[in-house]
Amino acid sequence: MFGLGHLDIGPLIYGVVIFLGIMSMFSRLIKLQLMSFVIEVSVFVLVFKLHGGTMQGGFAATIAALLAGRILPKMVR
């Protein structure tokens, strides 16, 4: 993905993005923001399955879920 000679930081970036996604879902569940939580989980599962469960699919699914969890609840209210 991203290369600096022999150093590949792609998995590091992937791990940070996945951690942010999990942290976001967990905080929404703890704060009882159930609509945002359900939106994030639904978008993540949908995009992850559409991309075939690959690493790139997980990356895309996490970013899509984070964006959907921020934007869609504001549009519904």
PDB file of N, CA and C in Angstrom:
ATOM      1  N   MET A   1       0.835  -1.184   0.000  1.00  0.00           N
ATOM      2  CA  MET A   1       0.000   0.000   0.000  1.00  0.00           C
ATOM      3  C   MET A   1       0.876   1.241   0.000  1.00  0.00           C
ATOM      4  N   PHE A   2       1.342   1.687   1.151  1.00  0.00           N
ATOM      5  CA  PHE A   2       2.273   2.806   1.239  1.00  0.00           C
ATOM      6  C   PHE A   2       3.635   2.224   1.573  1.00  0.00           C
ATOM      7  N   GLY A   3       4.631   2.574   0.816  1.00  0.00           N
ATOM      8  CA  GLY A   3       5.929   1.980   1.082  1.00  0.00           C
ATOM      9  C   GLY A   3       7.014   3.023   1.288  1.00  0.00           C
ATOM     10  N   LEU A   4       7.880   2.772   2.229  1.00  0.00           N
ATOM     11  CA  LEU A   4       9.073   3.576   2.451  1.00  0.00           C
ATOM     12  C   LEU A   4      10.256   2.621   2.447  1.00  0.00           C
ATOM     13  N   GLY A   5      10.667   2.213   1.270  1.00  0.00           N
ATOM     14  CA  GLY A   5      11.717   1.220   1.184  1.00  0.00           C
ATOM     15  C   GLY A   5      11.202  -0.132   1.629  1.00  0.00           C
ATOM     16  N   HIS A   6      11.721  -0.623   2.727  1.00  0.00           N
ATOM     17  CA  HIS A   6      11.298  -1.919   3.253  1.00  0.00           C
ATOM     18  C   HIS A   6      10.203  -1.794   4.302  1.00  0.00           C
ATOM     19  N   LEU A   7       9.838  -0.585   4.631  1.00  0.00           N
ATOM     20  CA  LEU A   7       8.831  -0.362   5.665  1.00  0.00           C
ATOM     21  C   LEU A   7       7.467  -0.172   5.013  1.00  0.00           C
ATOM     22  N   ASP A   8       6.504  -0.962   5.431  1.00  0.00           N
ATOM     23  CA  ASP A   8       5.149  -0.845   4.906  1.00  0.00           C
ATOM     24  C   ASP A   8       4.243  -0.380   6.040  1.00  0.00           C
ATOM     25  N   ILE A   9       3.705   0.842   5.926  1.00  0.00           N
ATOM     26  CA  ILE A   9       2.880   1.386   7.004  1.00  0.00           C
ATOM     27  C   ILE A   9       1.392   1.175   6.747  1.00  0.00           C
ATOM     28  N   GLY A  10       1.044   0.468   5.696  1.00  0.00           N
ATOM     29  CA  GLY A  10      -0.356   0.175   5.392  1.00  0.00           C
ATOM     30  C   GLY A  10      -1.094  -0.520   6.519  1.00  0.00           C
ATOM     31  N   PRO A  11      -0.523  -1.598   7.075  1.00  0.00           N
ATOM     32  CA  PRO A  11      -1.212  -2.270   8.189  1.00  0.00           C
ATOM     33  C   PRO A  11      -1.363  -1.379   9.421  1.00  0.00           C
ATOM     34  N   LEU A  12      -0.417  -0.486   9.647  1.00  0.00           N
ATOM     35  CA  LEU A  12      -0.521   0.438  10.778  1.00  0.00           C
ATOM     36  C   LEU A  12      -1.694   1.392  10.583  1.00  0.00           C
ATOM     37  N   ILE A  13      -1.816   1.957   9.399  1.00  0.00           N
ATOM     38  CA  ILE A  13      -2.933   2.853   9.103  1.00  0.00           C
ATOM     39  C   ILE A  13      -4.253   2.091   9.181  1.00  0.00           C
ATOM     40  N   TYR A  14      -4.270   0.870   8.666  1.00  0.00           N
ATOM     41  CA  TYR A  14      -5.462   0.020   8.728  1.00  0.00           C
ATOM     42  C   TYR A  14      -5.873  -0.220  10.179  1.00  0.00           C
ATOM     43  N   GLY A  15      -4.907  -0.536  11.021  1.00  0.00           N
ATOM     44  CA  GLY A  15      -5.188  -0.775  12.431  1.00  0.00           C
ATOM     45  C   GLY A  15      -5.739   0.453  13.138  1.00  0.00           C
ATOM     46  N   VAL A  16      -5.192   1.617  12.828  1.00  0.00           N
ATOM     47  CA  VAL A  16      -5.669   2.864  13.449  1.00  0.00           C
ATOM     48  C   VAL A  16      -7.107   3.144  13.022  1.00  0.00           C
ATOM     49  N   VAL A  17      -7.406   2.972  11.751  1.00  0.00           N
ATOM     50  CA  VAL A  17      -8.767   3.236  11.257  1.00  0.00           C
ATOM     51  C   VAL A  17      -9.767   2.245  11.859  1.00  0.00           C
ATOM     52  N   ILE A  18      -9.398   0.978  11.929  1.00  0.00           N
ATOM     53  CA  ILE A  18     -10.284  -0.021  12.537  1.00  0.00           C
ATOM     54  C   ILE A  18     -10.502   0.301  14.011  1.00  0.00           C
ATOM     55  N   PHE A  19      -9.434   0.702  14.723  1.00  0.00           N
ATOM     56  CA  PHE A  19      -9.572   1.071  16.129  1.00  0.00           C
ATOM     57  C   PHE A  19     -10.512   2.262  16.296  1.00  0.00           C
ATOM     58  N   LEU A  20     -10.391   3.265  15.441  1.00  0.00           N
ATOM     59  CA  LEU A  20     -11.291   4.418  15.516  1.00  0.00           C
ATOM     60  C   LEU A  20     -12.744   3.997  15.292  1.00  0.00           C
ATOM     61  N   GLY A  21     -12.963   3.080  14.366  1.00  0.00           N
ATOM     62  CA  GLY A  21     -14.314   2.589  14.111  1.00  0.00           C
ATOM     63  C   GLY A  21     -14.895   1.848  15.304  1.00  0.00           C
ATOM     64  N   ILE A  22     -14.086   0.984  15.914  1.00  0.00           N
ATOM     65  CA  ILE A  22     -14.553   0.246  17.091  1.00  0.00           C
ATOM     66  C   ILE A  22     -14.800   1.199  18.252  1.00  0.00           C
ATOM     67  N   MET A  23     -13.900   2.148  18.446  1.00  0.00           N
ATOM     68  CA  MET A  23     -14.054   3.121  19.521  1.00  0.00           C
ATOM     69  C   MET A  23     -15.316   3.962  19.328  1.00  0.00           C
ATOM     70  N   SER A  24     -15.583   4.354  18.100  1.00  0.00           N
ATOM     71  CA  SER A  24     -16.774   5.144  17.802  1.00  0.00           C
ATOM     72  C   SER A  24     -18.046   4.355  18.101  1.00  0.00           C
ATOM     73  N   MET A  25     -18.092   3.100  17.657  1.00  0.00           N
ATOM     74  CA  MET A  25     -19.271   2.272  17.914  1.00  0.00           C
ATOM     75  C   MET A  25     -19.457   2.024  19.411  1.00  0.00           C
ATOM     76  N   PHE A  26     -18.376   1.752  20.098  1.00  0.00           N
ATOM     77  CA  PHE A  26     -18.451   1.495  21.535  1.00  0.00           C
ATOM     78  C   PHE A  26     -18.937   2.732  22.294  1.00  0.00           C
ATOM     79  N   SER A  27     -18.426   3.907  21.935  1.00  0.00           N
ATOM     80  CA  SER A  27     -18.848   5.124  22.639  1.00  0.00           C
ATOM     81  C   SER A  27     -20.313   5.445  22.359  1.00  0.00           C
ATOM     82  N   ARG A  28     -20.783   5.195  21.155  1.00  0.00           N
ATOM     83  CA  ARG A  28     -22.194   5.424  20.845  1.00  0.00           C
ATOM     84  C   ARG A  28     -23.094   4.461  21.617  1.00  0.00           C
ATOM     85  N   LEU A  29     -22.634   3.235  21.784  1.00  0.00           N
ATOM     86  CA  LEU A  29     -23.411   2.262  22.543  1.00  0.00           C
ATOM     87  C   LEU A  29     -23.450   2.641  24.029  1.00  0.00           C
ATOM     88  N   ILE A  30     -22.331   3.067  24.577  1.00  0.00           N
ATOM     89  CA  ILE A  30     -22.261   3.458  25.990  1.00  0.00           C
ATOM     90  C   ILE A  30     -23.125   4.697  26.257  1.00  0.00           C
ATOM     91  N   LYS A  31     -23.134   5.661  25.313  1.00  0.00           N
ATOM     92  CA  LYS A  31     -23.920   6.896  25.475  1.00  0.00           C
ATOM     93  C   LYS A  31     -25.384   6.715  25.072  1.00  0.00           C
ATOM     94  N   LEU A  32     -25.742   5.489  24.698  1.00  0.00           N
ATOM     95  CA  LEU A  32     -27.104   5.144  24.271  1.00  0.00           C
ATOM     96  C   LEU A  32     -27.581   5.959  23.064  1.00  0.00           C
ATOM     97  N   GLN A  33     -26.677   6.246  22.160  1.00  0.00           N
ATOM     98  CA  GLN A  33     -27.040   6.854  20.881  1.00  0.00           C
ATOM     99  C   GLN A  33     -27.323   5.693  19.922  1.00  0.00           C
ATOM    100  N   LEU A  34     -28.460   5.070  20.147  1.00  0.00           N
ATOM    101  CA  LEU A  34     -28.748   3.811  19.473  1.00  0.00           C
ATOM    102  C   LEU A  34     -28.929   3.951  17.965  1.00  0.00           C
ATOM    103  N   MET A  35     -29.532   5.051  17.517  1.00  0.00           N
ATOM    104  CA  MET A  35     -29.722   5.228  16.074  1.00  0.00           C
ATOM    105  C   MET A  35     -28.364   5.327  15.376  1.00  0.00           C
ATOM    106  N   SER A  36     -27.443   6.104  15.922  1.00  0.00           N
ATOM    107  CA  SER A  36     -26.110   6.225  15.334  1.00  0.00           C
ATOM    108  C   SER A  36     -25.378   4.892  15.365  1.00  0.00           C
ATOM    109  N   PHE A  37     -25.524   4.161  16.465  1.00  0.00           N
ATOM    110  CA  PHE A  37     -24.872   2.860  16.588  1.00  0.00           C
ATOM    111  C   PHE A  37     -25.392   1.881  15.531  1.00  0.00           C
ATOM    112  N   VAL A  38     -26.703   1.817  15.388  1.00  0.00           N
ATOM    113  CA  VAL A  38     -27.304   0.895  14.414  1.00  0.00           C
ATOM    114  C   VAL A  38     -26.896   1.282  12.991  1.00  0.00           C
ATOM    115  N   ILE A  39     -26.854   2.581  12.700  1.00  0.00           N
ATOM    116  CA  ILE A  39     -26.434   3.037  11.370  1.00  0.00           C
ATOM    117  C   ILE A  39     -24.994   2.619  11.105  1.00  0.00           C
ATOM    118  N   GLU A  40     -24.100   2.849  12.065  1.00  0.00           N
ATOM    119  CA  GLU A  40     -22.694   2.492  11.870  1.00  0.00           C
ATOM    120  C   GLU A  40     -22.517   0.993  11.653  1.00  0.00           C
ATOM    121  N   VAL A  41     -23.167   0.197  12.479  1.00  0.00           N
ATOM    122  CA  VAL A  41     -23.021  -1.255  12.347  1.00  0.00           C
ATOM    123  C   VAL A  41     -23.599  -1.732  11.025  1.00  0.00           C
ATOM    124  N   SER A  42     -24.765  -1.213  10.648  1.00  0.00           N
ATOM    125  CA  SER A  42     -25.410  -1.630   9.395  1.00  0.00           C
ATOM    126  C   SER A  42     -24.568  -1.275   8.181  1.00  0.00           C
ATOM    127  N   VAL A  43     -24.053  -0.058   8.148  1.00  0.00           N
ATOM    128  CA  VAL A  43     -23.224   0.363   7.012  1.00  0.00           C
ATOM    129  C   VAL A  43     -21.937  -0.455   6.965  1.00  0.00           C
ATOM    130  N   PHE A  44     -21.334  -0.689   8.127  1.00  0.00           N
ATOM    131  CA  PHE A  44     -20.105  -1.484   8.157  1.00  0.00           C
ATOM    132  C   PHE A  44     -20.341  -2.882   7.595  1.00  0.00           C
ATOM    133  N   VAL A  45     -21.380  -3.556   8.083  1.00  0.00           N
ATOM    134  CA  VAL A  45     -21.659  -4.926   7.633  1.00  0.00           C
ATOM    135  C   VAL A  45     -21.970  -4.953   6.131  1.00  0.00           C
ATOM    136  N   LEU A  46     -22.787  -4.013   5.666  1.00  0.00           N
ATOM    137  CA  LEU A  46     -23.149  -3.969   4.252  1.00  0.00           C
ATOM    138  C   LEU A  46     -21.932  -3.769   3.365  1.00  0.00           C
ATOM    139  N   VAL A  47     -21.120  -2.760   3.665  1.00  0.00           N
ATOM    140  CA  VAL A  47     -19.951  -2.468   2.819  1.00  0.00           C
ATOM    141  C   VAL A  47     -18.919  -3.584   2.921  1.00  0.00           C
ATOM    142  N   PHE A  48     -18.719  -4.129   4.116  1.00  0.00           N
ATOM    143  CA  PHE A  48     -17.746  -5.207   4.290  1.00  0.00           C
ATOM    144  C   PHE A  48     -18.140  -6.432   3.472  1.00  0.00           C
ATOM    145  N   LYS A  49     -19.432  -6.776   3.491  1.00  0.00           N
ATOM    146  CA  LYS A  49     -19.890  -7.924   2.699  1.00  0.00           C
ATOM    147  C   LYS A  49     -19.806  -7.646   1.201  1.00  0.00           C
ATOM    148  N   LEU A  50     -20.106  -6.414   0.790  1.00  0.00           N
ATOM    149  CA  LEU A  50     -20.031  -6.078  -0.634  1.00  0.00           C
ATOM    150  C   LEU A  50     -18.600  -6.152  -1.159  1.00  0.00           C
ATOM    151  N   HIS A  51     -17.624  -5.883  -0.299  1.00  0.00           N
ATOM    152  CA  HIS A  51     -16.221  -5.933  -0.715  1.00  0.00           C
ATOM    153  C   HIS A  51     -15.597  -7.302  -0.519  1.00  0.00           C
ATOM    154  N   GLY A  52     -16.380  -8.276  -0.122  1.00  0.00           N
ATOM    155  CA  GLY A  52     -15.902  -9.645  -0.039  1.00  0.00           C
ATOM    156  C   GLY A  52     -15.078  -9.974   1.194  1.00  0.00           C
ATOM    157  N   GLY A  53     -15.102  -9.147   2.220  1.00  0.00           N
ATOM    158  CA  GLY A  53     -14.395  -9.446   3.457  1.00  0.00           C
ATOM    159  C   GLY A  53     -12.891  -9.285   3.388  1.00  0.00           C
ATOM    160  N   THR A  54     -12.400  -8.486   2.462  1.00  0.00           N
ATOM    161  CA  THR A  54     -10.961  -8.285   2.323  1.00  0.00           C
ATOM    162  C   THR A  54     -10.480  -7.173   3.250  1.00  0.00           C
ATOM    163  N   MET A  55      -9.166  -7.004   3.318  1.00  0.00           N
ATOM    164  CA  MET A  55      -8.586  -5.930   4.139  1.00  0.00           C
ATOM    165  C   MET A  55      -9.018  -4.565   3.606  1.00  0.00           C
ATOM    166  N   GLN A  56      -9.012  -4.408   2.308  1.00  0.00           N
ATOM    167  CA  GLN A  56      -9.461  -3.155   1.713  1.00  0.00           C
ATOM    168  C   GLN A  56     -10.943  -2.936   1.967  1.00  0.00           C
ATOM    169  N   GLY A  57     -11.706  -4.022   1.984  1.00  0.00           N
ATOM    170  CA  GLY A  57     -13.132  -3.928   2.284  1.00  0.00           C
ATOM    171  C   GLY A  57     -13.382  -3.484   3.704  1.00  0.00           C
ATOM    172  N   GLY A  58     -12.593  -3.982   4.637  1.00  0.00           N
ATOM    173  CA  GLY A  58     -12.714  -3.567   6.029  1.00  0.00           C
ATOM    174  C   GLY A  58     -12.351  -2.106   6.214  1.00  0.00           C
ATOM    175  N   PHE A  59     -11.317  -1.668   5.493  1.00  0.00           N
ATOM    176  CA  PHE A  59     -10.894  -0.268   5.542  1.00  0.00           C
ATOM    177  C   PHE A  59     -11.997   0.632   5.001  1.00  0.00           C
ATOM    178  N   ALA A  60     -12.536   0.278   3.840  1.00  0.00           N
ATOM    179  CA  ALA A  60     -13.611   1.063   3.226  1.00  0.00           C
ATOM    180  C   ALA A  60     -14.867   1.038   4.090  1.00  0.00           C
ATOM    181  N   ALA A  61     -15.178  -0.123   4.653  1.00  0.00           N
ATOM    182  CA  ALA A  61     -16.373  -0.253   5.481  1.00  0.00           C
ATOM    183  C   ALA A  61     -16.273   0.598   6.740  1.00  0.00           C
ATOM    184  N   THR A  62     -15.102   0.630   7.348  1.00  0.00           N
ATOM    185  CA  THR A  62     -14.928   1.422   8.566  1.00  0.00           C
ATOM    186  C   THR A  62     -15.065   2.903   8.275  1.00  0.00           C
ATOM    187  N   ILE A  63     -14.455   3.367   7.200  1.00  0.00           N
ATOM    188  CA  ILE A  63     -14.568   4.792   6.849  1.00  0.00           C
ATOM    189  C   ILE A  63     -16.009   5.138   6.503  1.00  0.00           C
ATOM    190  N   ALA A  64     -16.672   4.284   5.732  1.00  0.00           N
ATOM    191  CA  ALA A  64     -18.075   4.541   5.381  1.00  0.00           C
ATOM    192  C   ALA A  64     -18.961   4.552   6.620  1.00  0.00           C
ATOM    193  N   ALA A  65     -18.719   3.644   7.559  1.00  0.00           N
ATOM    194  CA  ALA A  65     -19.515   3.588   8.787  1.00  0.00           C
ATOM    195  C   ALA A  65     -19.282   4.821   9.644  1.00  0.00           C
ATOM    196  N   LEU A  66     -18.032   5.270   9.748  1.00  0.00           N
ATOM    197  CA  LEU A  66     -17.746   6.483  10.527  1.00  0.00           C
ATOM    198  C   LEU A  66     -18.452   7.695   9.937  1.00  0.00           C
ATOM    199  N   LEU A  67     -18.392   7.832   8.622  1.00  0.00           N
ATOM    200  CA  LEU A  67     -19.060   8.966   7.969  1.00  0.00           C
ATOM    201  C   LEU A  67     -20.576   8.875   8.110  1.00  0.00           C
ATOM    202  N   ALA A  68     -21.114   7.682   7.926  1.00  0.00           N
ATOM    203  CA  ALA A  68     -22.563   7.507   8.037  1.00  0.00           C
ATOM    204  C   ALA A  68     -23.041   7.766   9.457  1.00  0.00           C
ATOM    205  N   GLY A  69     -22.259   7.334  10.447  1.00  0.00           N
ATOM    206  CA  GLY A  69     -22.638   7.554  11.837  1.00  0.00           C
ATOM    207  C   GLY A  69     -22.619   9.018  12.229  1.00  0.00           C
ATOM    208  N   ARG A  70     -21.822   9.811  11.555  1.00  0.00           N
ATOM    209  CA  ARG A  70     -21.771  11.245  11.825  1.00  0.00           C
ATOM    210  C   ARG A  70     -22.839  12.029  11.066  1.00  0.00           C
ATOM    211  N   ILE A  71     -23.099  11.669   9.830  1.00  0.00           N
ATOM    212  CA  ILE A  71     -23.937  12.487   8.955  1.00  0.00           C
ATOM    213  C   ILE A  71     -25.414  12.079   8.977  1.00  0.00           C
ATOM    214  N   LEU A  72     -25.709  10.782   8.840  1.00  0.00           N
ATOM    215  CA  LEU A  72     -27.094  10.337   8.694  1.00  0.00           C
ATOM    216  C   LEU A  72     -27.997  10.663   9.900  1.00  0.00           C
ATOM    217  N   PRO A  73     -27.538  10.505  11.151  1.00  0.00           N
ATOM    218  CA  PRO A  73     -28.436  10.855  12.269  1.00  0.00           C
ATOM    219  C   PRO A  73     -28.841  12.329  12.273  1.00  0.00           C
ATOM    220  N   LYS A  74     -27.968  13.212  11.815  1.00  0.00           N
ATOM    221  CA  LYS A  74     -28.297  14.636  11.747  1.00  0.00           C
ATOM    222  C   LYS A  74     -29.319  14.923  10.660  1.00  0.00           C
ATOM    223  N   MET A  75     -29.312  14.130   9.609  1.00  0.00           N
ATOM    224  CA  MET A  75     -30.268  14.322   8.521  1.00  0.00           C
ATOM    225  C   MET A  75     -31.656  13.809   8.911  1.00  0.00           C
ATOM    226  N   VAL A  76     -31.713  12.794   9.778  1.00  0.00           N
ATOM    227  CA  VAL A  76     -32.985  12.204  10.175  1.00  0.00           C
ATOM    228  C   VAL A  76     -33.713  13.091  11.181  1.00  0.00           C
ATOM    229  N   ARG A  77     -32.969  13.738  12.051  1.00  0.00           N
ATOM    230  CA  ARG A  77     -33.584  14.564  13.095  1.00  0.00           C
ATOM    231  C   ARG A  77     -34.141  15.834  12.579  1.00  0.00           C
TER     232      ARG A  77
END
